[in-house]
Amino acid sequence: MKTADNQNGFLLLEALFSFAMFLLLCTLLLPLWIDVKKEHYIQEKRTFYYSLLQNELAKAEPKDQYFRDDKLFIALRFSIEDGLKKGCIDLRGEGRKENRCLYGYLE
C-alpha cells in the first residue's frame, strides 16, 4: 500500500470532526453552566438575607420584613418561642421554597 509523502496537515474531514466535537461539548456544558450561575446568584442573595436576619434578631424589637428581589420573594418573620426570639427566613421563587430559622436570647 502506497502512502503519499506530502501529508503535512489536517484533512478537512478531521477539522470538521473536531469542530463538531467541540460544538457537542459546548451544547452539553452550556445548560450546566447556566444552572451553576443561577445557584451562585441565589447563594449570594441567601447569604445577604441571612446576615440581615441575624442583624435584625440582635435588635430588642425585630419587625417582620418582606422583600421582592428579581425573581425571589423573601420574608423575615419574628416570634417568641420557649423564652427565645425566633427569626425565620422564607425564600421562594422559581420552584424553590426554603425556610430556615435562627434563635436568639431575649434581653
C-alpha atoms as a PDB file:
ATOM      1  CA  MET A   1       0.000   0.000   0.000  1.00  0.00           C
ATOM      2  CA  LYS A   2       1.407   3.357  -1.003  1.00  0.00           C
ATOM      3  CA  THR A   3       1.274   6.451   1.167  1.00  0.00           C
ATOM      4  CA  ALA A   4       1.704   9.983  -0.019  1.00  0.00           C
ATOM      5  CA  ASP A   5       4.764  11.824   1.219  1.00  0.00           C
ATOM      6  CA  ASN A   6       3.083  15.228   1.329  1.00  0.00           C
ATOM      7  CA  GLN A   7       0.620  14.687   4.211  1.00  0.00           C
ATOM      8  CA  ASN A   8       1.686  17.626   6.378  1.00  0.00           C
ATOM      9  CA  GLY A   9      -1.575  18.804   7.987  1.00  0.00           C
ATOM     10  CA  PHE A  10      -5.116  18.057   8.926  1.00  0.00           C
ATOM     11  CA  LEU A  11      -7.571  16.894   6.368  1.00  0.00           C
ATOM     12  CA  LEU A  12     -10.775  18.870   6.007  1.00  0.00           C
ATOM     13  CA  LEU A  13     -12.704  15.916   7.378  1.00  0.00           C
ATOM     14  CA  GLU A  14     -10.566  15.836  10.533  1.00  0.00           C
ATOM     15  CA  ALA A  15     -11.084  19.562  11.071  1.00  0.00           C
ATOM     16  CA  LEU A  16     -14.848  19.227  10.645  1.00  0.00           C
ATOM     17  CA  PHE A  17     -14.942  16.286  13.041  1.00  0.00           C
ATOM     18  CA  SER A  18     -13.005  18.147  15.733  1.00  0.00           C
ATOM     19  CA  PHE A  19     -15.233  21.218  15.287  1.00  0.00           C
ATOM     20  CA  ALA A  20     -18.334  19.021  15.624  1.00  0.00           C
ATOM     21  CA  MET A  21     -16.940  17.506  18.830  1.00  0.00           C
ATOM     22  CA  PHE A  22     -16.263  20.985  20.190  1.00  0.00           C
ATOM     23  CA  LEU A  23     -19.845  22.067  19.429  1.00  0.00           C
ATOM     24  CA  LEU A  24     -21.209  18.935  21.049  1.00  0.00           C
ATOM     25  CA  LEU A  25     -19.255  19.601  24.223  1.00  0.00           C
ATOM     26  CA  CYS A  26     -20.417  23.227  24.264  1.00  0.00           C
ATOM     27  CA  THR A  27     -24.080  22.263  23.911  1.00  0.00           C
ATOM     28  CA  LEU A  28     -23.752  19.735  26.717  1.00  0.00           C
ATOM     29  CA  LEU A  29     -21.967  22.102  29.101  1.00  0.00           C
ATOM     30  CA  LEU A  30     -23.996  25.271  28.459  1.00  0.00           C
ATOM     31  CA  PRO A  31     -27.101  24.228  30.477  1.00  0.00           C
ATOM     32  CA  LEU A  32     -24.866  23.092  33.323  1.00  0.00           C
ATOM     33  CA  TRP A  33     -23.055  26.439  33.321  1.00  0.00           C
ATOM     34  CA  ILE A  34     -26.395  28.314  33.358  1.00  0.00           C
ATOM     35  CA  ASP A  35     -27.569  26.267  36.367  1.00  0.00           C
ATOM     36  CA  VAL A  36     -24.320  26.946  38.209  1.00  0.00           C
ATOM     37  CA  LYS A  37     -24.656  30.696  37.593  1.00  0.00           C
ATOM     38  CA  LYS A  38     -28.273  30.642  38.821  1.00  0.00           C
ATOM     39  CA  GLU A  39     -27.330  28.758  42.004  1.00  0.00           C
ATOM     40  CA  HIS A  40     -24.458  31.176  42.601  1.00  0.00           C
ATOM     41  CA  TYR A  41     -26.873  34.124  42.341  1.00  0.00           C
ATOM     42  CA  ILE A  42     -29.317  32.511  44.781  1.00  0.00           C
ATOM     43  CA  GLN A  43     -26.481  31.702  47.196  1.00  0.00           C
ATOM     44  CA  GLU A  44     -25.379  35.351  47.173  1.00  0.00           C
ATOM     45  CA  LYS A  45     -28.927  36.511  47.939  1.00  0.00           C
ATOM     46  CA  ARG A  46     -29.343  33.867  50.645  1.00  0.00           C
ATOM     47  CA  THR A  47     -26.115  34.965  52.336  1.00  0.00           C
ATOM     48  CA  PHE A  48     -27.157  38.628  52.248  1.00  0.00           C
ATOM     49  CA  TYR A  49     -30.598  37.996  53.747  1.00  0.00           C
ATOM     50  CA  TYR A  50     -29.246  35.590  56.389  1.00  0.00           C
ATOM     51  CA  SER A  51     -26.932  38.326  57.612  1.00  0.00           C
ATOM     52  CA  LEU A  52     -29.877  40.746  57.605  1.00  0.00           C
ATOM     53  CA  LEU A  53     -31.896  38.219  59.631  1.00  0.00           C
ATOM     54  CA  GLN A  54     -29.057  37.890  62.125  1.00  0.00           C
ATOM     55  CA  ASN A  55     -28.734  41.665  62.465  1.00  0.00           C
ATOM     56  CA  GLU A  56     -32.488  42.071  62.999  1.00  0.00           C
ATOM     57  CA  LEU A  57     -32.516  39.250  65.539  1.00  0.00           C
ATOM     58  CA  ALA A  58     -29.887  41.131  67.575  1.00  0.00           C
ATOM     59  CA  LYS A  59     -32.271  44.090  67.974  1.00  0.00           C
ATOM     60  CA  ALA A  60     -34.553  44.362  71.007  1.00  0.00           C
ATOM     61  CA  GLU A  61     -37.759  44.533  68.928  1.00  0.00           C
ATOM     62  CA  PRO A  62     -37.254  42.982  65.482  1.00  0.00           C
ATOM     63  CA  LYS A  63     -40.023  43.624  62.966  1.00  0.00           C
ATOM     64  CA  ASP A  64     -41.271  41.398  60.159  1.00  0.00           C
ATOM     65  CA  GLN A  65     -39.946  42.407  56.756  1.00  0.00           C
ATOM     66  CA  TYR A  66     -40.795  41.412  53.196  1.00  0.00           C
ATOM     67  CA  PHE A  67     -38.611  41.810  50.120  1.00  0.00           C
ATOM     68  CA  ARG A  68     -39.059  41.226  46.405  1.00  0.00           C
ATOM     69  CA  ASP A  69     -35.710  40.716  44.691  1.00  0.00           C
ATOM     70  CA  ASP A  70     -35.813  39.927  40.966  1.00  0.00           C
ATOM     71  CA  LYS A  71     -37.468  36.504  40.860  1.00  0.00           C
ATOM     72  CA  LEU A  72     -37.253  35.803  44.591  1.00  0.00           C
ATOM     73  CA  PHE A  73     -39.683  36.628  47.383  1.00  0.00           C
ATOM     74  CA  ILE A  74     -38.051  36.869  50.815  1.00  0.00           C
ATOM     75  CA  ALA A  75     -39.912  37.160  54.126  1.00  0.00           C
ATOM     76  CA  LEU A  76     -38.272  37.731  57.520  1.00  0.00           C
ATOM     77  CA  ARG A  77     -40.631  36.745  60.354  1.00  0.00           C
ATOM     78  CA  PHE A  78     -40.006  37.013  64.072  1.00  0.00           C
ATOM     79  CA  SER A  79     -41.718  35.458  67.083  1.00  0.00           C
ATOM     80  CA  ILE A  80     -41.026  34.385  70.661  1.00  0.00           C
ATOM     81  CA  GLU A  81     -40.933  30.661  71.473  1.00  0.00           C
ATOM     82  CA  ASP A  82     -39.862  28.993  74.721  1.00  0.00           C
ATOM     83  CA  GLY A  83     -38.223  32.174  76.044  1.00  0.00           C
ATOM     84  CA  LEU A  84     -36.159  32.707  72.877  1.00  0.00           C
ATOM     85  CA  LYS A  85     -36.522  35.091  69.952  1.00  0.00           C
ATOM     86  CA  LYS A  86     -37.090  33.149  66.770  1.00  0.00           C
ATOM     87  CA  GLY A  87     -36.319  34.670  63.395  1.00  0.00           C
ATOM     88  CA  CYS A  88     -37.220  32.767  60.234  1.00  0.00           C
ATOM     89  CA  ILE A  89     -36.462  33.481  56.615  1.00  0.00           C
ATOM     90  CA  ASP A  90     -38.751  32.233  53.843  1.00  0.00           C
ATOM     91  CA  LEU A  91     -37.181  32.236  50.403  1.00  0.00           C
ATOM     92  CA  ARG A  92     -39.472  31.462  47.458  1.00  0.00           C
ATOM     93  CA  GLY A  93     -39.212  31.647  43.717  1.00  0.00           C
ATOM     94  CA  GLU A  94     -38.519  29.639  40.552  1.00  0.00           C
ATOM     95  CA  GLY A  95     -39.712  26.350  42.030  1.00  0.00           C
ATOM     96  CA  ARG A  96     -37.708  26.908  45.190  1.00  0.00           C
ATOM     97  CA  LYS A  97     -39.131  27.048  48.713  1.00  0.00           C
ATOM     98  CA  GLU A  98     -36.773  27.348  51.669  1.00  0.00           C
ATOM     99  CA  ASN A  99     -37.441  28.057  55.321  1.00  0.00           C
ATOM    100  CA  ARG A 100     -34.620  28.493  57.839  1.00  0.00           C
ATOM    101  CA  CYS A 101     -34.751  29.797  61.397  1.00  0.00           C
ATOM    102  CA  LEU A 102     -32.296  31.356  63.850  1.00  0.00           C
ATOM    103  CA  TYR A 103     -32.779  31.771  67.595  1.00  0.00           C
ATOM    104  CA  GLY A 104     -31.599  34.470  69.975  1.00  0.00           C
ATOM    105  CA  TYR A 105     -31.846  35.257  73.668  1.00  0.00           C
ATOM    106  CA  LEU A 106     -34.386  37.746  74.999  1.00  0.00           C
ATOM    107  CA  GLU A 107     -32.869  40.822  76.595  1.00  0.00           C
END
